């Protein structure tokens, strides 16, 4: 996904060695429509960050599976 799109969604980010990384926790908590490749995440001071190229929108199949296995309240 493009970094500009993630910035528009107001996802927290930092720069590490002149490259922009986005906060994994922020994505998981506030953007359930996005999927991340957690194997590509880096840990900095107990926080996980990931490059924009490893963040993707959920597919239709992912949405369907999420709705099937919704936790009961």
PDB file of N, CA and C in Angstrom:
ATOM      1  N   UNK A   1       0.854  -1.168   0.000  1.00  0.00           N
ATOM      2  CA  UNK A   1       0.000   0.000   0.000  1.00  0.00           C
ATOM      3  C   UNK A   1       0.903   1.235   0.000  1.00  0.00           C
ATOM      4  N   UNK A   2       0.424   2.300  -0.572  1.00  0.00           N
ATOM      5  CA  UNK A   2       1.207   3.523  -0.643  1.00  0.00           C
ATOM      6  C   UNK A   2       1.245   4.238   0.708  1.00  0.00           C
ATOM      7  N   UNK A   3       2.398   4.783   1.074  1.00  0.00           N
ATOM      8  CA  UNK A   3       2.503   5.516   2.339  1.00  0.00           C
ATOM      9  C   UNK A   3       1.521   6.691   2.428  1.00  0.00           C
ATOM     10  N   UNK A   4       1.227   7.328   1.283  1.00  0.00           N
ATOM     11  CA  UNK A   4       0.291   8.460   1.279  1.00  0.00           C
ATOM     12  C   UNK A   4      -1.093   8.041   1.772  1.00  0.00           C
ATOM     13  N   UNK A   5      -1.522   6.863   1.389  1.00  0.00           N
ATOM     14  CA  UNK A   5      -2.845   6.363   1.807  1.00  0.00           C
ATOM     15  C   UNK A   5      -2.859   6.134   3.311  1.00  0.00           C
ATOM     16  N   UNK A   6      -1.776   5.566   3.831  1.00  0.00           N
ATOM     17  CA  UNK A   6      -1.702   5.316   5.267  1.00  0.00           C
ATOM     18  C   UNK A   6      -1.645   6.634   6.048  1.00  0.00           C
ATOM     19  N   UNK A   7      -0.963   7.632   5.505  1.00  0.00           N
ATOM     20  CA  UNK A   7      -0.936   8.951   6.151  1.00  0.00           C
ATOM     21  C   UNK A   7      -2.325   9.589   6.146  1.00  0.00           C
ATOM     22  N   UNK A   8      -3.070   9.422   5.056  1.00  0.00           N
ATOM     23  CA  UNK A   8      -4.440   9.951   4.980  1.00  0.00           C
ATOM     24  C   UNK A   8      -5.328   9.323   6.045  1.00  0.00           C
ATOM     25  N   UNK A   9      -5.085   8.048   6.354  1.00  0.00           N
ATOM     26  CA  UNK A   9      -5.852   7.351   7.382  1.00  0.00           C
ATOM     27  C   UNK A   9      -5.383   7.730   8.788  1.00  0.00           C
ATOM     28  N   UNK A  10      -4.359   8.608   8.847  1.00  0.00           N
ATOM     29  CA  UNK A  10      -3.814   9.124  10.098  1.00  0.00           C
ATOM     30  C   UNK A  10      -3.224   8.024  10.984  1.00  0.00           C
ATOM     31  N   UNK A  11      -2.529   7.092  10.358  1.00  0.00           N
ATOM     32  CA  UNK A  11      -1.830   6.042  11.089  1.00  0.00           C
ATOM     33  C   UNK A  11      -0.498   6.612  11.572  1.00  0.00           C
ATOM     34  N   UNK A  12      -0.181   6.355  12.825  1.00  0.00           N
ATOM     35  CA  UNK A  12       1.058   6.854  13.410  1.00  0.00           C
ATOM     36  C   UNK A  12       2.248   6.279  12.658  1.00  0.00           C
ATOM     37  N   UNK A  13       3.283   7.124  12.482  1.00  0.00           N
ATOM     38  CA  UNK A  13       4.471   6.658  11.776  1.00  0.00           C
ATOM     39  C   UNK A  13       5.715   7.301  12.359  1.00  0.00           C
ATOM     40  N   UNK A  14       6.855   6.670  12.079  1.00  0.00           N
ATOM     41  CA  UNK A  14       8.155   7.220  12.454  1.00  0.00           C
ATOM     42  C   UNK A  14       9.111   6.989  11.287  1.00  0.00           C
ATOM     43  N   UNK A  15      10.221   7.713  11.318  1.00  0.00           N
ATOM     44  CA  UNK A  15      11.261   7.519  10.316  1.00  0.00           C
ATOM     45  C   UNK A  15      12.448   6.842  10.978  1.00  0.00           C
ATOM     46  N   UNK A  16      12.889   5.740  10.358  1.00  0.00           N
ATOM     47  CA  UNK A  16      14.061   5.009  10.820  1.00  0.00           C
ATOM     48  C   UNK A  16      15.019   4.934   9.641  1.00  0.00           C
ATOM     49  N   UNK A  17      16.186   5.504   9.802  1.00  0.00           N
ATOM     50  CA  UNK A  17      17.189   5.537   8.717  1.00  0.00           C
ATOM     51  C   UNK A  17      16.584   6.071   7.417  1.00  0.00           C
ATOM     52  N   UNK A  18      15.876   7.164   7.519  1.00  0.00           N
ATOM     53  CA  UNK A  18      15.267   7.868   6.379  1.00  0.00           C
ATOM     54  C   UNK A  18      14.165   7.083   5.671  1.00  0.00           C
ATOM     55  N   UNK A  19      13.637   6.028   6.321  1.00  0.00           N
ATOM     56  CA  UNK A  19      12.522   5.267   5.763  1.00  0.00           C
ATOM     57  C   UNK A  19      11.350   5.355   6.730  1.00  0.00           C
ATOM     58  N   UNK A  20      10.139   5.488   6.179  1.00  0.00           N
ATOM     59  CA  UNK A  20       8.951   5.641   7.015  1.00  0.00           C
ATOM     60  C   UNK A  20       8.372   4.277   7.390  1.00  0.00           C
ATOM     61  N   UNK A  21       8.115   4.123   8.691  1.00  0.00           N
ATOM     62  CA  UNK A  21       7.509   2.915   9.223  1.00  0.00           C
ATOM     63  C   UNK A  21       6.221   3.297   9.934  1.00  0.00           C
ATOM     64  N   UNK A  22       5.216   2.415   9.879  1.00  0.00           N
ATOM     65  CA  UNK A  22       3.912   2.690  10.467  1.00  0.00           C
ATOM     66  C   UNK A  22       3.681   1.795  11.676  1.00  0.00           C
ATOM     67  N   UNK A  23       2.960   2.325  12.653  1.00  0.00           N
ATOM     68  CA  UNK A  23       2.716   1.655  13.928  1.00  0.00           C
ATOM     69  C   UNK A  23       1.748   0.475  13.755  1.00  0.00           C
ATOM     70  N   UNK A  24       2.222  -0.732  14.027  1.00  0.00           N
ATOM     71  CA  UNK A  24       1.422  -1.949  13.871  1.00  0.00           C
ATOM     72  C   UNK A  24       0.240  -1.948  14.837  1.00  0.00           C
ATOM     73  N   UNK A  25       0.467  -1.511  16.069  1.00  0.00           N
ATOM     74  CA  UNK A  25      -0.605  -1.486  17.072  1.00  0.00           C
ATOM     75  C   UNK A  25      -1.732  -0.564  16.641  1.00  0.00           C
ATOM     76  N   UNK A  26      -1.396   0.590  16.099  1.00  0.00           N
ATOM     77  CA  UNK A  26      -2.404   1.534  15.617  1.00  0.00           C
ATOM     78  C   UNK A  26      -3.216   0.914  14.480  1.00  0.00           C
ATOM     79  N   UNK A  27      -2.555   0.220  13.578  1.00  0.00           N
ATOM     80  CA  UNK A  27      -3.251  -0.419  12.458  1.00  0.00           C
ATOM     81  C   UNK A  27      -4.202  -1.498  12.973  1.00  0.00           C
ATOM     82  N   UNK A  28      -3.713  -2.350  13.870  1.00  0.00           N
ATOM     83  CA  UNK A  28      -4.538  -3.446  14.388  1.00  0.00           C
ATOM     84  C   UNK A  28      -5.740  -2.941  15.181  1.00  0.00           C
ATOM     85  N   UNK A  29      -5.554  -1.885  15.975  1.00  0.00           N
ATOM     86  CA  UNK A  29      -6.634  -1.362  16.830  1.00  0.00           C
ATOM     87  C   UNK A  29      -7.673  -0.548  16.064  1.00  0.00           C
ATOM     88  N   UNK A  30      -7.202   0.324  15.193  1.00  0.00           N
ATOM     89  CA  UNK A  30      -8.081   1.333  14.599  1.00  0.00           C
ATOM     90  C   UNK A  30      -8.439   1.119  13.138  1.00  0.00           C
ATOM     91  N   UNK A  31      -7.820   0.138  12.495  1.00  0.00           N
ATOM     92  CA  UNK A  31      -8.052  -0.058  11.065  1.00  0.00           C
ATOM     93  C   UNK A  31      -8.245  -1.543  10.752  1.00  0.00           C
ATOM     94  N   UNK A  32      -9.385  -2.104  11.120  1.00  0.00           N
ATOM     95  CA  UNK A  32      -9.619  -3.532  10.871  1.00  0.00           C
ATOM     96  C   UNK A  32      -9.739  -3.868   9.386  1.00  0.00           C
ATOM     97  N   UNK A  33      -9.826  -2.856   8.535  1.00  0.00           N
ATOM     98  CA  UNK A  33      -9.912  -3.084   7.092  1.00  0.00           C
ATOM     99  C   UNK A  33      -8.541  -3.307   6.452  1.00  0.00           C
ATOM    100  N   UNK A  34      -7.472  -3.248   7.260  1.00  0.00           N
ATOM    101  CA  UNK A  34      -6.121  -3.437   6.738  1.00  0.00           C
ATOM    102  C   UNK A  34      -5.509  -4.716   7.286  1.00  0.00           C
ATOM    103  N   UNK A  35      -4.695  -5.344   6.457  1.00  0.00           N
ATOM    104  CA  UNK A  35      -4.016  -6.579   6.819  1.00  0.00           C
ATOM    105  C   UNK A  35      -2.513  -6.322   6.765  1.00  0.00           C
ATOM    106  N   UNK A  36      -1.768  -6.819   7.760  1.00  0.00           N
ATOM    107  CA  UNK A  36      -0.321  -6.606   7.767  1.00  0.00           C
ATOM    108  C   UNK A  36       0.408  -7.943   7.715  1.00  0.00           C
ATOM    109  N   UNK A  37       1.600  -7.922   7.154  1.00  0.00           N
ATOM    110  CA  UNK A  37       2.477  -9.088   7.156  1.00  0.00           C
ATOM    111  C   UNK A  37       3.367  -8.951   8.385  1.00  0.00           C
ATOM    112  N   UNK A  38       2.943  -9.530   9.492  1.00  0.00           N
ATOM    113  CA  UNK A  38       3.630  -9.324  10.767  1.00  0.00           C
ATOM    114  C   UNK A  38       5.050  -9.878  10.785  1.00  0.00           C
ATOM    115  N   UNK A  39       5.388 -10.758   9.860  1.00  0.00           N
ATOM    116  CA  UNK A  39       6.758 -11.278   9.809  1.00  0.00           C
ATOM    117  C   UNK A  39       7.746 -10.203   9.349  1.00  0.00           C
ATOM    118  N   UNK A  40       7.237  -9.133   8.758  1.00  0.00           N
ATOM    119  CA  UNK A  40       8.090  -8.049   8.262  1.00  0.00           C
ATOM    120  C   UNK A  40       8.168  -6.873   9.240  1.00  0.00           C
ATOM    121  N   UNK A  41       7.541  -6.998  10.398  1.00  0.00           N
ATOM    122  CA  UNK A  41       7.539  -5.917  11.384  1.00  0.00           C
ATOM    123  C   UNK A  41       8.893  -5.838  12.083  1.00  0.00           C
ATOM    124  N   UNK A  42       9.286  -4.624  12.449  1.00  0.00           N
ATOM    125  CA  UNK A  42      10.500  -4.410  13.235  1.00  0.00           C
ATOM    126  C   UNK A  42      10.089  -3.873  14.596  1.00  0.00           C
ATOM    127  N   UNK A  43      10.861  -4.203  15.620  1.00  0.00           N
ATOM    128  CA  UNK A  43      10.540  -3.765  16.976  1.00  0.00           C
ATOM    129  C   UNK A  43      11.546  -2.701  17.391  1.00  0.00           C
ATOM    130  N   UNK A  44      11.002  -1.555  17.820  1.00  0.00           N
ATOM    131  CA  UNK A  44      11.822  -0.447  18.293  1.00  0.00           C
ATOM    132  C   UNK A  44      11.262  -0.011  19.640  1.00  0.00           C
ATOM    133  N   UNK A  45      12.055  -0.166  20.688  1.00  0.00           N
ATOM    134  CA  UNK A  45      11.645   0.211  22.047  1.00  0.00           C
ATOM    135  C   UNK A  45      10.282  -0.362  22.413  1.00  0.00           C
ATOM    136  N   UNK A  46      10.114  -1.657  22.249  1.00  0.00           N
ATOM    137  CA  UNK A  46       8.912  -2.414  22.607  1.00  0.00           C
ATOM    138  C   UNK A  46       7.691  -2.110  21.739  1.00  0.00           C
ATOM    139  N   UNK A  47       7.850  -1.363  20.667  1.00  0.00           N
ATOM    140  CA  UNK A  47       6.741  -1.064  19.756  1.00  0.00           C
ATOM    141  C   UNK A  47       7.054  -1.673  18.386  1.00  0.00           C
ATOM    142  N   UNK A  48       6.010  -2.185  17.721  1.00  0.00           N
ATOM    143  CA  UNK A  48       6.185  -2.784  16.398  1.00  0.00           C
ATOM    144  C   UNK A  48       5.877  -1.762  15.314  1.00  0.00           C
ATOM    145  N   UNK A  49       6.709  -1.753  14.282  1.00  0.00           N
ATOM    146  CA  UNK A  49       6.526  -0.878  13.131  1.00  0.00           C
ATOM    147  C   UNK A  49       6.708  -1.685  11.859  1.00  0.00           C
ATOM    148  N   UNK A  50       6.069  -1.207  10.780  1.00  0.00           N
ATOM    149  CA  UNK A  50       6.126  -1.924   9.511  1.00  0.00           C
ATOM    150  C   UNK A  50       6.141  -0.920   8.363  1.00  0.00           C
ATOM    151  N   UNK A  51       6.785  -1.295   7.277  1.00  0.00           N
ATOM    152  CA  UNK A  51       6.805  -0.447   6.079  1.00  0.00           C
ATOM    153  C   UNK A  51       5.446  -0.538   5.384  1.00  0.00           C
ATOM    154  N   UNK A  52       5.114   0.485   4.650  1.00  0.00           N
ATOM    155  CA  UNK A  52       3.819   0.558   3.962  1.00  0.00           C
ATOM    156  C   UNK A  52       3.645  -0.563   2.945  1.00  0.00           C
ATOM    157  N   UNK A  53       4.721  -1.029   2.361  1.00  0.00           N
ATOM    158  CA  UNK A  53       4.613  -2.069   1.328  1.00  0.00           C
ATOM    159  C   UNK A  53       4.106  -3.400   1.878  1.00  0.00           C
ATOM    160  N   UNK A  54       4.155  -3.577   3.196  1.00  0.00           N
ATOM    161  CA  UNK A  54       3.669  -4.820   3.811  1.00  0.00           C
ATOM    162  C   UNK A  54       2.282  -4.673   4.427  1.00  0.00           C
ATOM    163  N   UNK A  55       1.603  -3.583   4.112  1.00  0.00           N
ATOM    164  CA  UNK A  55       0.234  -3.349   4.581  1.00  0.00           C
ATOM    165  C   UNK A  55      -0.685  -3.414   3.367  1.00  0.00           C
ATOM    166  N   UNK A  56      -1.755  -4.209   3.469  1.00  0.00           N
ATOM    167  CA  UNK A  56      -2.675  -4.387   2.345  1.00  0.00           C
ATOM    168  C   UNK A  56      -4.117  -4.296   2.833  1.00  0.00           C
ATOM    169  N   UNK A  57      -5.020  -3.880   1.952  1.00  0.00           N
ATOM    170  CA  UNK A  57      -6.439  -3.916   2.330  1.00  0.00           C
ATOM    171  C   UNK A  57      -6.912  -5.365   2.419  1.00  0.00           C
ATOM    172  N   UNK A  58      -7.890  -5.622   3.272  1.00  0.00           N
ATOM    173  CA  UNK A  58      -8.448  -6.969   3.379  1.00  0.00           C
ATOM    174  C   UNK A  58      -9.167  -7.333   2.084  1.00  0.00           C
ATOM    175  N   UNK A  59      -9.034  -8.572   1.681  1.00  0.00           N
ATOM    176  CA  UNK A  59      -9.727  -9.052   0.483  1.00  0.00           C
ATOM    177  C   UNK A  59     -11.181  -9.378   0.844  1.00  0.00           C
ATOM    178  N   UNK A  60     -11.998  -9.618  -0.163  1.00  0.00           N
ATOM    179  CA  UNK A  60     -13.395 -10.010   0.075  1.00  0.00           C
ATOM    180  C   UNK A  60     -13.462 -11.301   0.879  1.00  0.00           C
ATOM    181  N   UNK A  61     -12.556 -12.215   0.594  1.00  0.00           N
ATOM    182  CA  UNK A  61     -12.511 -13.479   1.326  1.00  0.00           C
ATOM    183  C   UNK A  61     -12.213 -13.228   2.807  1.00  0.00           C
ATOM    184  N   UNK A  62     -11.246 -12.340   3.089  1.00  0.00           N
ATOM    185  CA  UNK A  62     -10.920 -12.015   4.480  1.00  0.00           C
ATOM    186  C   UNK A  62     -12.116 -11.427   5.210  1.00  0.00           C
ATOM    187  N   UNK A  63     -12.860 -10.531   4.537  1.00  0.00           N
ATOM    188  CA  UNK A  63     -14.054  -9.941   5.143  1.00  0.00           C
ATOM    189  C   UNK A  63     -15.088 -11.020   5.455  1.00  0.00           C
ATOM    190  N   UNK A  64     -15.271 -11.953   4.530  1.00  0.00           N
ATOM    191  CA  UNK A  64     -16.249 -13.017   4.720  1.00  0.00           C
ATOM    192  C   UNK A  64     -15.863 -13.901   5.914  1.00  0.00           C
ATOM    193  N   UNK A  65     -14.608 -14.273   6.005  1.00  0.00           N
ATOM    194  CA  UNK A  65     -14.135 -15.110   7.102  1.00  0.00           C
ATOM    195  C   UNK A  65     -14.261 -14.370   8.433  1.00  0.00           C
ATOM    196  N   UNK A  66     -13.946 -13.090   8.450  1.00  0.00           N
ATOM    197  CA  UNK A  66     -14.071 -12.303   9.677  1.00  0.00           C
ATOM    198  C   UNK A  66     -15.521 -12.275  10.167  1.00  0.00           C
ATOM    199  N   UNK A  67     -16.458 -12.147   9.240  1.00  0.00           N
ATOM    200  CA  UNK A  67     -17.875 -12.101   9.609  1.00  0.00           C
ATOM    201  C   UNK A  67     -18.381 -13.441  10.092  1.00  0.00           C
ATOM    202  N   UNK A  68     -17.858 -14.521   9.559  1.00  0.00           N
ATOM    203  CA  UNK A  68     -18.272 -15.853   9.975  1.00  0.00           C
ATOM    204  C   UNK A  68     -17.800 -16.136  11.397  1.00  0.00           C
ATOM    205  N   UNK A  69     -16.588 -15.765  11.697  1.00  0.00           N
ATOM    206  CA  UNK A  69     -15.980 -16.086  12.999  1.00  0.00           C
ATOM    207  C   UNK A  69     -15.974 -14.897  13.963  1.00  0.00           C
ATOM    208  N   UNK A  70     -16.985 -14.046  13.890  1.00  0.00           N
ATOM    209  CA  UNK A  70     -17.075 -12.917  14.811  1.00  0.00           C
ATOM    210  C   UNK A  70     -17.258 -13.448  16.236  1.00  0.00           C
ATOM    211  N   UNK A  71     -16.555 -12.837  17.181  1.00  0.00           N
ATOM    212  CA  UNK A  71     -16.740 -13.274  18.571  1.00  0.00           C
ATOM    213  C   UNK A  71     -18.129 -12.911  19.077  1.00  0.00           C
ATOM    214  N   UNK A  72     -18.715 -13.818  19.841  1.00  0.00           N
ATOM    215  CA  UNK A  72     -20.042 -13.570  20.398  1.00  0.00           C
ATOM    216  C   UNK A  72     -19.929 -12.661  21.616  1.00  0.00           C
ATOM    217  N   UNK A  73     -20.881 -11.757  21.750  1.00  0.00           N
ATOM    218  CA  UNK A  73     -20.862 -10.808  22.879  1.00  0.00           C
ATOM    219  C   UNK A  73     -21.797 -11.255  23.966  1.00  0.00           C
TER     220      UNK A  73
END
